[in-house]
Amino acid sequence: MKPTDRLFGKSKKEIVEEMGQEFNYYPERIWTFQMKKYWWGQKKFLILYFEEEIVVKMKMKIIYGKINTSKL
């Protein structure tokens, strides 16, 4: 089991308690968390998708620069 698999089925309140809210707007249905940042500019993000306040899908994304949330 991956460490992030434990997040499936959790509510937004449980996610905030476990990971913090960072810069996520609470009513949004997509939240992002920066998991790691490398010195050469690469960043690893965890993207959580919610339906009715419950995590239904997760994705890891590695990017350089800023994340464009309109393409998630």
C-alpha atoms as a PDB file:
ATOM      1  CA  MET A   1       0.000   0.000   0.000  1.00  0.00           C
ATOM      2  CA  LYS A   2       1.315   3.448  -0.928  1.00  0.00           C
ATOM      3  CA  PRO A   3       1.477   5.997   1.909  1.00  0.00           C
ATOM      4  CA  THR A   4      -1.072   8.198   0.142  1.00  0.00           C
ATOM      5  CA  ASP A   5      -3.585   5.333  -0.251  1.00  0.00           C
ATOM      6  CA  ARG A   6      -4.698   5.949   3.313  1.00  0.00           C
ATOM      7  CA  LEU A   7      -6.274   9.239   2.144  1.00  0.00           C
ATOM      8  CA  PHE A   8      -8.963   7.601  -0.043  1.00  0.00           C
ATOM      9  CA  GLY A   9     -12.415   8.024   1.428  1.00  0.00           C
ATOM     10  CA  LYS A  10     -11.381  10.662   3.966  1.00  0.00           C
ATOM     11  CA  SER A  11     -13.283  13.883   4.443  1.00  0.00           C
ATOM     12  CA  LYS A  12     -11.856  17.364   3.954  1.00  0.00           C
ATOM     13  CA  LYS A  13     -11.798  17.828   7.729  1.00  0.00           C
ATOM     14  CA  GLU A  14      -9.692  14.667   8.151  1.00  0.00           C
ATOM     15  CA  ILE A  15      -7.313  15.792   5.366  1.00  0.00           C
ATOM     16  CA  VAL A  16      -6.817  19.182   7.046  1.00  0.00           C
ATOM     17  CA  GLU A  17      -6.088  17.476  10.381  1.00  0.00           C
ATOM     18  CA  GLU A  18      -3.549  15.130   8.796  1.00  0.00           C
ATOM     19  CA  MET A  19      -1.857  17.315   6.166  1.00  0.00           C
ATOM     20  CA  GLY A  20      -2.849  20.907   6.945  1.00  0.00           C
ATOM     21  CA  GLN A  21      -4.790  23.177   4.613  1.00  0.00           C
ATOM     22  CA  GLU A  22      -1.859  24.920   2.885  1.00  0.00           C
ATOM     23  CA  PHE A  23      -3.344  27.335   0.324  1.00  0.00           C
ATOM     24  CA  ASN A  24      -6.414  25.305  -0.570  1.00  0.00           C
ATOM     25  CA  TYR A  25      -9.797  27.029  -0.681  1.00  0.00           C
ATOM     26  CA  TYR A  26     -12.038  24.825   1.471  1.00  0.00           C
ATOM     27  CA  PRO A  27     -15.104  24.687  -0.860  1.00  0.00           C
ATOM     28  CA  GLU A  28     -13.033  23.716  -3.951  1.00  0.00           C
ATOM     29  CA  ARG A  29     -13.324  20.164  -5.241  1.00  0.00           C
ATOM     30  CA  ILE A  30      -9.600  19.932  -6.167  1.00  0.00           C
ATOM     31  CA  TRP A  31      -6.843  20.470  -3.598  1.00  0.00           C
ATOM     32  CA  THR A  32      -3.074  20.439  -4.199  1.00  0.00           C
ATOM     33  CA  PHE A  33      -0.259  19.765  -1.747  1.00  0.00           C
ATOM     34  CA  GLN A  34       3.417  20.315  -2.515  1.00  0.00           C
ATOM     35  CA  MET A  35       5.119  17.139  -1.338  1.00  0.00           C
ATOM     36  CA  LYS A  36       8.730  17.834  -2.290  1.00  0.00           C
ATOM     37  CA  LYS A  37      10.818  20.595  -3.842  1.00  0.00           C
ATOM     38  CA  TYR A  38      14.224  19.974  -5.368  1.00  0.00           C
ATOM     39  CA  TRP A  39      17.008  22.542  -5.646  1.00  0.00           C
ATOM     40  CA  TRP A  40      16.931  22.459  -9.484  1.00  0.00           C
ATOM     41  CA  GLY A  41      13.291  23.620  -9.557  1.00  0.00           C
ATOM     42  CA  GLN A  42      11.410  20.347  -9.813  1.00  0.00           C
ATOM     43  CA  LYS A  43       8.348  20.063  -7.571  1.00  0.00           C
ATOM     44  CA  LYS A  44       6.208  17.057  -6.696  1.00  0.00           C
ATOM     45  CA  PHE A  45       2.517  17.694  -6.012  1.00  0.00           C
ATOM     46  CA  LEU A  46      -0.237  15.520  -4.616  1.00  0.00           C
ATOM     47  CA  ILE A  47      -3.598  16.381  -6.163  1.00  0.00           C
ATOM     48  CA  LEU A  48      -6.773  15.320  -4.339  1.00  0.00           C
ATOM     49  CA  TYR A  49     -10.181  15.233  -6.026  1.00  0.00           C
ATOM     50  CA  PHE A  50     -13.292  15.470  -3.847  1.00  0.00           C
ATOM     51  CA  GLU A  51     -16.921  14.549  -4.417  1.00  0.00           C
ATOM     52  CA  GLU A  52     -19.351  15.504  -1.662  1.00  0.00           C
ATOM     53  CA  GLU A  53     -16.428  16.403   0.672  1.00  0.00           C
ATOM     54  CA  ILE A  54     -14.805  12.914   0.313  1.00  0.00           C
ATOM     55  CA  VAL A  55     -11.544  12.034  -1.513  1.00  0.00           C
ATOM     56  CA  VAL A  56     -12.435   9.954  -4.584  1.00  0.00           C
ATOM     57  CA  LYS A  57      -9.279  10.270  -6.690  1.00  0.00           C
ATOM     58  CA  MET A  58      -5.608  11.151  -6.202  1.00  0.00           C
ATOM     59  CA  LYS A  59      -2.794  11.938  -8.595  1.00  0.00           C
ATOM     60  CA  MET A  60       0.920  12.727  -8.236  1.00  0.00           C
ATOM     61  CA  LYS A  61       2.308  15.305 -10.642  1.00  0.00           C
ATOM     62  CA  ILE A  62       5.923  16.382 -11.135  1.00  0.00           C
ATOM     63  CA  ILE A  63       6.412  19.818 -12.639  1.00  0.00           C
ATOM     64  CA  TYR A  64       8.894  22.622 -13.135  1.00  0.00           C
ATOM     65  CA  GLY A  65       7.621  26.111 -12.285  1.00  0.00           C
ATOM     66  CA  LYS A  66       4.041  26.800 -11.203  1.00  0.00           C
ATOM     67  CA  ILE A  67       1.182  24.320 -11.303  1.00  0.00           C
ATOM     68  CA  ASN A  68      -1.709  25.244 -13.614  1.00  0.00           C
ATOM     69  CA  THR A  69      -4.857  24.122 -11.786  1.00  0.00           C
ATOM     70  CA  SER A  70      -7.071  24.711 -14.821  1.00  0.00           C
ATOM     71  CA  LYS A  71      -5.482  21.666 -16.530  1.00  0.00           C
ATOM     72  CA  LEU A  72      -5.944  19.223 -13.654  1.00  0.00           C
END
